[in-house]
């Protein structure tokens, strides 16, 4: 079978990898001059297999008004005259309830555990160096109410197979001494935390470059600097993809374009409820006490992931969620805020006298669905398939998402339930 994959981020490459292993011919199309140069490039670096609760939770709505009133809020909303934005927001609000949150969490855990097992298989078979380490993840809470709610979630997720531990303040500081070093403002306000020893870190961009090499070696045809402009459909079947370089024909087509996916499939009468949540990241060269485990500041919604790079030890800092449209232009105020939060949390970890550009500020458009579940598999167009909507979990869910879509294309039953992940669900 000849399969055309639209998008050379981690999701498109993972899909290509599994299709090639099954013996299919694969063409990968991307508008950039390299792989993984958009949302996959400098994400939070966490492979968060056990901590997958969706943003649309029962406790989120009361927090939104205070967040919107603060300039340093982890969530910012920039309203636009865009029906897609408002439709997404309404659906998000409707999803903020306990029943939907628990259902989505259960489904995501099954997918993420599958992704973890696939990552273990891949690491055993492929020599890809991307700074992978299983160093655990500590989510810290700044108030007793939040910590108590987290402990209840631990109890629920334990019933689904998660191995997690609720830690008191002193236990958190003992586990991660960087939070007790040099007057850390984050360490000073820790009330407790949840530790998951099985969580991992890695550089998603380097992983994608490794997958690129493997897919090319397996026969993939990589068409970079080639934009996907239109899917031509006849009798509910894609005949070809139009590009500036000419048409590309295929037996099947996979759209893995993140937040751009709705625009390409909307002319076909397919509504994809995906909207971008703009996130920011920094990469700090380590010069002092820095985290050895991944740390998530639940209050500020910022992650601090230790990362081994070719240049040495670093900390990938990522956070914020701006509902601000499709511009990939960074807001200097948000970059400065993220750096200020980092300096307060880890005051001795890096040399903050350096120019901000040396911390590699970056933004990515996380393609999110209102419920927090990705959209995988078939569409009403018989040979068109989707792999999008993973939000902040794209790196975590990539291998499972790619495997599920590859299985769906050939009519093979997926190894995990896909209820809740289909465009029709």
Protein backbone atom coordinates (compact mmCIF):
# COMPACT_ATOMS: atom_id res chain seq x y z
CA UNK A 1 0.00 0.00 0.00
CA UNK A 2 1.21 3.53 -0.80
CA UNK A 3 0.50 5.87 2.15
CA UNK A 4 0.97 9.64 2.09
CA UNK A 5 1.55 11.16 5.54
CA UNK A 6 1.00 14.88 5.99
CA UNK A 7 3.27 16.18 8.72
CA UNK A 8 6.84 15.29 9.77
CA UNK A 9 6.45 15.94 13.49
CA UNK A 10 6.69 13.16 16.05
CA UNK A 11 3.18 11.87 15.25
CA UNK A 12 3.69 11.71 11.49
CA UNK A 13 7.10 10.09 11.86
CA UNK A 14 5.81 7.52 14.36
CA UNK A 15 3.00 6.60 11.98
CA UNK A 16 5.49 6.28 9.13
CA UNK A 17 7.80 4.11 11.22
CA UNK A 18 5.13 1.51 11.92
CA UNK A 19 3.74 1.52 8.38
CA UNK A 20 7.22 0.92 7.00
CA UNK A 21 7.76 -1.94 9.44
CA UNK A 22 4.59 -3.47 8.06
CA UNK A 23 6.07 -3.30 4.54
CA UNK A 24 4.15 -0.36 3.08
CA UNK A 25 5.43 2.41 0.81
CA UNK A 26 5.42 5.76 2.65
CA UNK A 27 5.68 9.37 1.50
CA UNK A 28 6.05 12.04 4.22
CA UNK A 29 5.17 15.62 3.33
CA UNK A 30 6.06 18.68 5.42
CA UNK A 31 6.19 22.41 4.72
CA UNK A 32 9.40 22.91 6.73
CA UNK A 33 12.95 22.23 5.55
CA UNK A 34 13.51 19.69 8.33
CA UNK A 35 11.56 17.30 10.52
CA UNK A 36 10.00 18.24 13.87
CA UNK A 37 10.52 21.98 13.49
CA UNK A 38 7.16 23.04 14.93
CA UNK A 39 5.36 21.70 18.02
CA UNK A 40 7.70 18.70 18.38
CA UNK A 41 10.86 20.81 18.43
CA UNK A 42 11.36 22.03 22.01
CA UNK A 43 8.45 20.74 24.05
CA UNK A 44 8.49 20.02 27.78
CA UNK A 45 10.68 16.92 27.30
CA UNK A 46 8.59 14.86 29.73
CA UNK A 47 7.33 11.41 28.81
CA UNK A 48 4.46 11.58 31.27
CA UNK A 49 2.86 8.16 30.94
CA UNK A 50 1.01 8.11 34.27
CA UNK A 51 0.07 11.78 34.66
CA UNK A 52 -2.40 12.25 31.82
CA UNK A 53 -5.43 13.89 33.48
CA UNK A 54 -7.00 16.29 30.92
CA UNK A 55 -6.97 20.06 31.30
CA UNK A 56 -10.79 19.96 31.29
CA UNK A 57 -11.22 18.85 34.89
CA UNK A 58 -13.93 19.57 37.48
CA UNK A 59 -11.76 22.04 39.38
CA UNK A 60 -10.68 24.14 36.40
CA UNK A 61 -13.64 26.46 35.85
CA UNK A 62 -13.41 28.32 39.20
CA UNK A 63 -9.74 29.05 38.49
CA UNK A 64 -10.28 30.57 35.06
CA UNK A 65 -11.62 34.04 36.09
CA UNK A 66 -8.66 34.77 38.42
CA UNK A 67 -6.26 33.48 35.78
CA UNK A 68 -7.71 35.77 33.12
CA UNK A 69 -7.32 38.81 35.36
CA UNK A 70 -3.59 38.31 35.97
CA UNK A 71 -0.87 39.24 33.51
CA UNK A 72 1.37 36.45 34.84
CA UNK A 73 -1.35 33.82 34.67
CA UNK A 74 -0.48 30.33 33.36
CA UNK A 75 -3.57 30.61 31.12
CA UNK A 76 -4.29 33.63 28.94
CA UNK A 77 -7.25 34.13 26.64
CA UNK A 78 -7.14 36.43 23.63
CA UNK A 79 -10.68 36.50 22.18
CA UNK A 80 -11.06 36.66 18.43
CA UNK A 81 -13.89 36.82 15.94
CA UNK A 82 -13.35 33.17 15.16
CA UNK A 83 -16.30 30.76 15.44
CA UNK A 84 -13.89 27.81 15.71
CA UNK A 85 -12.30 29.33 18.83
CA UNK A 86 -15.63 29.94 20.55
CA UNK A 87 -17.01 26.54 19.59
CA UNK A 88 -13.93 24.92 21.09
CA UNK A 89 -14.28 26.95 24.29
CA UNK A 90 -17.94 26.01 24.74
CA UNK A 91 -17.11 22.33 24.29
CA UNK A 92 -14.23 22.69 26.75
CA UNK A 93 -16.50 24.18 29.42
CA UNK A 94 -19.02 21.37 28.93
CA UNK A 95 -16.22 18.81 29.40
CA UNK A 96 -15.17 20.25 32.77
CA UNK A 97 -16.95 17.70 34.93
CA UNK A 98 -15.89 14.72 37.01
CA UNK A 99 -17.54 12.04 34.86
CA UNK A 100 -15.95 13.21 31.61
CA UNK A 101 -12.58 13.85 33.25
CA UNK A 102 -12.44 10.36 34.78
CA UNK A 103 -13.51 8.74 31.50
CA UNK A 104 -10.88 10.65 29.49
CA UNK A 105 -8.20 9.88 32.09
CA UNK A 106 -8.98 6.17 31.93
CA UNK A 107 -8.80 6.15 28.13
CA UNK A 108 -5.59 8.18 28.04
CA UNK A 109 -3.89 5.93 30.57
CA UNK A 110 -4.53 2.88 28.40
CA UNK A 111 -3.05 4.69 25.40
CA UNK A 112 -0.07 6.08 27.35
CA UNK A 113 0.80 2.71 28.92
CA UNK A 114 0.76 1.22 25.43
CA UNK A 115 3.03 4.03 24.27
CA UNK A 116 5.45 3.29 27.12
CA UNK A 117 5.65 -0.39 26.15
CA UNK A 118 6.25 0.58 22.51
CA UNK A 119 9.02 2.96 23.58
CA UNK A 120 10.69 0.14 25.51
CA UNK A 121 10.49 -2.07 22.43
CA UNK A 122 11.87 0.66 20.19
CA UNK A 123 14.79 1.40 22.53
CA UNK A 124 15.66 -2.29 22.56
CA UNK A 125 15.68 -2.46 18.75
CA UNK A 126 16.88 0.97 17.57
CA UNK A 127 20.05 2.84 18.53
CA UNK A 128 18.51 6.31 18.78
CA UNK A 129 20.23 8.72 21.16
CA UNK A 130 17.91 11.41 22.48
CA UNK A 131 18.80 11.83 26.14
CA UNK A 132 16.24 9.30 27.30
CA UNK A 133 16.22 8.68 31.05
CA UNK A 134 13.71 7.20 33.46
CA UNK A 135 14.22 9.60 36.36
CA UNK A 136 10.69 9.95 37.73
CA UNK A 137 8.34 12.89 37.97
CA UNK A 138 7.39 14.96 41.02
CA UNK A 139 4.30 17.17 40.83
CA UNK A 140 4.39 19.68 43.69
CA UNK A 141 1.40 21.48 45.17
CA UNK A 142 1.41 24.81 46.97
CA UNK A 143 -1.68 24.44 49.15
CA UNK A 144 -3.33 21.73 51.20
CA UNK A 145 -6.56 21.79 49.18
CA UNK A 146 -4.74 21.08 45.92
CA UNK A 147 -2.60 18.41 47.53
CA UNK A 148 -5.62 16.65 49.02
CA UNK A 149 -7.31 16.63 45.61
CA UNK A 150 -4.13 15.20 44.09
CA UNK A 151 -4.08 12.39 46.63
CA UNK A 152 -7.62 11.48 45.68
CA UNK A 153 -6.54 11.34 42.03
CA UNK A 154 -3.65 9.07 43.03
CA UNK A 155 -6.16 6.69 44.60
CA UNK A 156 -8.24 6.69 41.41
CA UNK A 157 -5.25 6.22 39.10
CA UNK A 158 -3.88 3.43 41.31
CA UNK A 159 -7.00 1.47 40.44
CA UNK A 160 -6.06 1.91 36.77
CA UNK A 161 -2.53 0.60 37.15
CA UNK A 162 -0.48 3.71 38.03
CA UNK A 163 2.33 3.41 40.57
CA UNK A 164 2.42 6.75 42.37
CA UNK A 165 3.18 7.99 45.86
CA UNK A 166 1.87 11.02 47.74
CA UNK A 167 4.73 12.76 49.57
CA UNK A 168 4.70 15.35 52.33
CA UNK A 169 6.70 18.57 52.15
CA UNK A 170 9.87 17.22 53.76
CA UNK A 171 9.77 14.11 51.57
CA UNK A 172 9.50 16.26 48.44
CA UNK A 173 12.52 18.36 49.41
CA UNK A 174 14.52 15.24 50.28
CA UNK A 175 13.66 13.64 46.93
CA UNK A 176 14.61 16.78 44.97
CA UNK A 177 17.25 18.83 46.85
CA UNK A 178 17.24 21.52 44.15
CA UNK A 179 13.94 22.71 45.64
CA UNK A 180 15.68 23.37 48.96
CA UNK A 181 18.77 25.02 47.49
CA UNK A 182 19.53 28.70 47.26
CA UNK A 183 16.24 30.11 48.49
CA UNK A 184 13.95 28.47 45.94
CA UNK A 185 10.57 30.21 45.98
CA UNK A 186 9.00 27.02 44.66
CA UNK A 187 10.55 24.95 47.44
CA UNK A 188 9.37 27.46 50.05
CA UNK A 189 5.72 26.98 49.10
CA UNK A 190 5.65 23.20 48.66
CA UNK A 191 2.82 21.66 50.67
CA UNK A 192 3.22 18.16 49.24
CA UNK A 193 3.62 16.30 46.00
CA UNK A 194 2.92 13.23 43.94
CA UNK A 195 5.90 11.18 42.81
CA UNK A 196 5.75 8.76 39.87
CA UNK A 197 9.03 6.84 39.59
CA UNK A 198 8.34 5.35 36.14
CA UNK A 199 8.15 8.66 34.23
CA UNK A 200 10.90 9.57 31.77
CA UNK A 201 12.46 12.46 29.88
CA UNK A 202 13.94 12.87 26.43
CA UNK A 203 14.61 15.35 23.65
CA UNK A 204 11.71 14.99 21.23
CA UNK A 205 13.55 16.75 18.39
CA UNK A 206 16.54 14.41 18.57
CA UNK A 207 14.17 11.45 18.76
CA UNK A 208 12.45 12.66 15.57
CA UNK A 209 15.78 13.06 13.78
CA UNK A 210 16.56 9.48 14.75
CA UNK A 211 13.19 8.30 13.41
CA UNK A 212 13.80 10.27 10.23
CA UNK A 213 17.01 8.33 9.61
CA UNK A 214 15.29 5.02 10.33
CA UNK A 215 12.37 5.74 8.03
CA UNK A 216 14.61 6.89 5.18
CA UNK A 217 16.73 3.77 5.59
CA UNK A 218 13.51 1.73 5.39
CA UNK A 219 12.56 3.39 2.11
CA UNK A 220 10.47 6.42 3.08
CA UNK A 221 10.23 9.25 0.55
CA UNK A 222 10.58 12.47 2.57
CA UNK A 223 9.25 15.56 0.77
CA UNK A 224 10.38 18.56 2.83
CA UNK A 225 9.66 22.22 1.97
CA UNK A 226 6.43 20.92 0.43
CA UNK A 227 3.14 22.34 1.66
CA UNK A 228 -0.07 20.32 1.63
CA UNK A 229 -2.58 22.65 -0.01
CA UNK A 230 -5.66 20.53 -0.77
CA UNK A 231 -6.99 16.99 -0.61
CA UNK A 232 -8.82 16.13 -3.83
CA UNK A 233 -11.79 13.81 -3.21
CA UNK A 234 -14.00 11.87 -5.57
CA UNK A 235 -16.81 9.57 -4.39
CA UNK A 236 -15.76 9.95 -0.76
CA UNK A 237 -12.23 8.87 -1.52
CA UNK A 238 -9.03 10.95 -1.70
CA UNK A 239 -7.54 10.70 -5.16
CA UNK A 240 -4.48 12.85 -4.54
CA UNK A 241 -2.89 15.56 -2.43
CA UNK A 242 -2.26 18.85 -4.15
CA UNK A 243 1.08 20.52 -3.41
CA UNK A 244 3.00 23.39 -5.06
CA UNK A 245 5.32 20.74 -6.49
CA UNK A 246 2.46 18.84 -8.07
CA UNK A 247 -0.06 16.16 -7.06
CA UNK A 248 0.80 13.16 -4.87
CA UNK A 249 -1.29 10.05 -5.31
CA UNK A 250 -1.74 7.34 -2.71
CA UNK A 251 -3.89 4.48 -1.52
CA UNK A 252 -4.29 6.09 1.91
CA UNK A 253 -3.64 9.51 3.43
CA UNK A 254 -2.85 10.40 7.05
CA UNK A 255 -3.25 13.97 8.29
CA UNK A 256 -0.89 14.62 11.21
CA UNK A 257 -0.64 18.39 10.92
CA UNK A 258 -1.48 19.33 14.50
CA UNK A 259 -3.46 22.55 14.74
CA UNK A 260 -3.55 22.91 10.94
CA UNK A 261 -5.52 19.69 10.53
CA UNK A 262 -9.01 21.28 10.73
CA UNK A 263 -8.24 23.66 7.86
CA UNK A 264 -7.24 20.89 5.48
CA UNK A 265 -10.18 18.57 6.15
CA UNK A 266 -12.94 21.17 6.64
CA UNK A 267 -13.59 21.50 2.87
CA UNK A 268 -14.37 17.76 2.93
CA UNK A 269 -17.16 18.30 5.45
CA UNK A 270 -15.11 16.90 8.36
CA UNK A 271 -15.17 18.89 11.60
CA UNK A 272 -12.07 18.35 13.74
CA UNK A 273 -12.41 19.98 17.20
CA UNK A 274 -8.74 20.89 17.56
CA UNK A 275 -7.52 24.33 18.60
CA UNK A 276 -3.98 25.47 19.46
CA UNK A 277 -2.88 26.19 23.02
CA UNK A 278 0.28 28.23 22.64
CA UNK A 279 3.01 27.06 25.00
CA UNK A 280 6.50 28.37 25.73
CA UNK A 281 9.78 26.71 26.61
CA UNK A 282 13.34 27.59 27.62
CA UNK A 283 16.43 25.38 27.67
CA UNK A 284 18.82 26.28 30.49
CA UNK A 285 22.47 25.15 30.52
CA UNK A 286 23.01 23.90 34.07
CA UNK A 287 25.66 25.70 36.15
CA UNK A 288 24.45 24.87 39.67
CA UNK A 289 21.95 22.84 41.72
CA UNK A 290 19.26 21.69 39.28
CA UNK A 291 16.53 19.03 39.37
CA UNK A 292 17.51 15.39 38.94
CA UNK A 293 13.87 14.33 38.61
CA UNK A 294 11.25 16.06 36.48
CA UNK A 295 9.40 18.64 38.56
CA UNK A 296 5.99 20.09 37.75
CA UNK A 297 4.80 23.19 39.58
CA UNK A 298 1.06 22.51 39.66
CA UNK A 299 0.14 26.05 40.70
CA UNK A 300 2.09 27.80 37.95
CA UNK A 301 1.62 24.97 35.40
CA UNK A 302 5.37 24.87 34.64
CA UNK A 303 7.52 21.78 34.13
CA UNK A 304 11.25 21.55 34.84
CA UNK A 305 12.76 18.53 33.08
CA UNK A 306 16.44 17.58 33.44
CA UNK A 307 17.82 16.87 30.01
CA UNK A 308 21.11 15.46 28.79
CA UNK A 309 22.19 17.24 25.61
CA UNK A 310 25.30 17.00 23.42
CA UNK A 311 26.39 20.30 24.97
CA UNK A 312 25.96 19.05 28.56
CA UNK A 313 23.36 19.02 31.31
CA UNK A 314 20.33 21.25 30.80
CA UNK A 315 16.87 21.90 32.17
CA UNK A 316 13.96 22.16 29.76
CA UNK A 317 11.41 24.59 31.22
CA UNK A 318 7.96 24.66 29.65
CA UNK A 319 4.59 26.06 30.50
CA UNK A 320 1.73 28.47 29.86
CA UNK A 321 -1.32 27.94 27.72
CA UNK A 322 -2.38 30.91 25.61
CA UNK A 323 -5.67 30.66 23.74
CA UNK A 324 -4.41 33.11 21.20
CA UNK A 325 -4.94 31.85 17.67
CA UNK A 326 -2.44 30.43 15.23
CA UNK A 327 0.43 32.92 15.32
CA UNK A 328 3.80 31.33 16.07
CA UNK A 329 5.27 34.67 17.04
CA UNK A 330 6.39 34.63 20.71
CA UNK A 331 5.13 37.25 23.16
CA UNK A 332 8.27 38.75 24.79
CA UNK A 333 6.31 39.37 27.99
CA UNK A 334 5.41 35.70 28.30
CA UNK A 335 9.00 34.65 27.64
CA UNK A 336 10.22 37.08 30.31
CA UNK A 337 7.58 35.76 32.73
CA UNK A 338 8.63 32.16 32.19
CA UNK A 339 12.26 33.09 32.81
CA UNK A 340 11.32 35.03 35.97
CA UNK A 341 9.34 32.05 37.28
CA UNK A 342 12.29 29.78 36.55
CA UNK A 343 14.76 32.05 38.29
CA UNK A 344 12.54 32.16 41.37
CA UNK A 345 12.05 28.39 41.38
CA UNK A 346 15.66 27.39 40.58
CA UNK A 347 17.79 30.41 41.52
CA UNK A 348 21.13 28.56 41.44
CA UNK A 349 20.53 26.23 38.51
CA UNK A 350 21.73 28.53 35.73
CA UNK A 351 23.58 31.76 35.05
CA UNK A 352 20.66 34.17 34.76
CA UNK A 353 22.91 37.11 33.92
CA UNK A 354 23.20 35.76 30.39
CA UNK A 355 21.06 37.26 27.61
CA UNK A 356 17.63 35.66 27.38
CA UNK A 357 18.38 34.45 23.84
CA UNK A 358 20.96 32.01 25.24
CA UNK A 359 18.10 30.12 26.94
CA UNK A 360 16.61 29.33 23.50
CA UNK A 361 13.08 30.71 23.98
CA UNK A 362 10.59 28.80 21.86
CA UNK A 363 6.85 28.53 21.33
CA UNK A 364 4.72 25.65 20.14
CA UNK A 365 1.06 25.38 19.21
CA UNK A 366 -0.23 22.38 21.15
CA UNK A 367 -3.16 20.92 19.15
CA UNK A 368 -5.81 20.27 21.80
CA UNK A 369 -9.31 18.85 21.78
CA UNK A 370 -11.85 20.13 24.33
CA UNK A 371 -12.02 16.80 26.18
CA UNK A 372 -8.27 16.21 26.04
CA UNK A 373 -8.44 13.00 23.98
CA UNK A 374 -6.65 12.76 20.61
CA UNK A 375 -8.42 11.95 17.35
CA UNK A 376 -7.12 8.78 15.75
CA UNK A 377 -8.03 6.69 12.77
CA UNK A 378 -10.71 6.65 10.12
CA UNK A 379 -12.90 9.46 8.80
CA UNK A 380 -16.05 9.53 6.64
CA UNK A 381 -13.68 9.68 3.65
CA UNK A 382 -12.79 6.03 3.13
CA UNK A 383 -9.02 6.31 2.71
CA UNK A 384 -8.38 9.37 4.90
CA UNK A 385 -7.10 8.97 8.45
CA UNK A 386 -6.31 11.38 11.29
CA UNK A 387 -3.61 11.52 13.96
CA UNK A 388 -4.02 14.78 15.86
CA UNK A 389 -5.30 16.49 19.01
CA UNK A 390 -2.84 15.08 21.58
CA UNK A 391 -2.39 18.53 23.17
CA UNK A 392 0.46 18.59 25.69
CA UNK A 393 0.76 14.78 25.49
CA UNK A 394 1.89 14.51 21.88
CA UNK A 395 5.39 13.31 22.77
CA UNK A 396 4.04 10.89 25.38
CA UNK A 397 1.34 9.39 23.16
CA UNK A 398 3.23 9.48 19.85
CA UNK A 399 4.22 5.84 19.46
CA UNK A 400 0.85 4.46 20.52
CA UNK A 401 -0.97 6.95 18.30
CA UNK A 402 1.19 6.03 15.32
CA UNK A 403 0.73 2.31 15.91
CA UNK A 404 -3.06 2.62 16.31
CA UNK A 405 -3.40 4.63 13.10
CA UNK A 406 -1.14 2.22 11.19
CA UNK A 407 -3.26 -0.69 12.41
CA UNK A 408 -6.47 1.07 11.45
CA UNK A 409 -5.26 1.74 7.90
CA UNK A 410 -4.72 -1.95 7.22
CA UNK A 411 -7.88 -3.05 9.03
CA UNK A 412 -6.06 -4.66 11.96
CA UNK A 413 -7.53 -4.43 15.45
CA UNK A 414 -5.59 -2.02 17.66
CA UNK A 415 -3.94 -3.34 20.81
CA UNK A 416 -5.81 -0.81 22.97
CA UNK A 417 -9.48 0.26 22.92
CA UNK A 418 -9.94 3.22 20.59
CA UNK A 419 -13.39 4.21 21.85
CA UNK A 420 -13.31 7.92 22.58
CA UNK A 421 -10.49 8.59 20.12
CA UNK A 422 -12.39 8.34 16.83
CA UNK A 423 -13.73 11.37 14.97
CA UNK A 424 -17.21 9.85 15.33
CA UNK A 425 -16.99 9.48 19.15
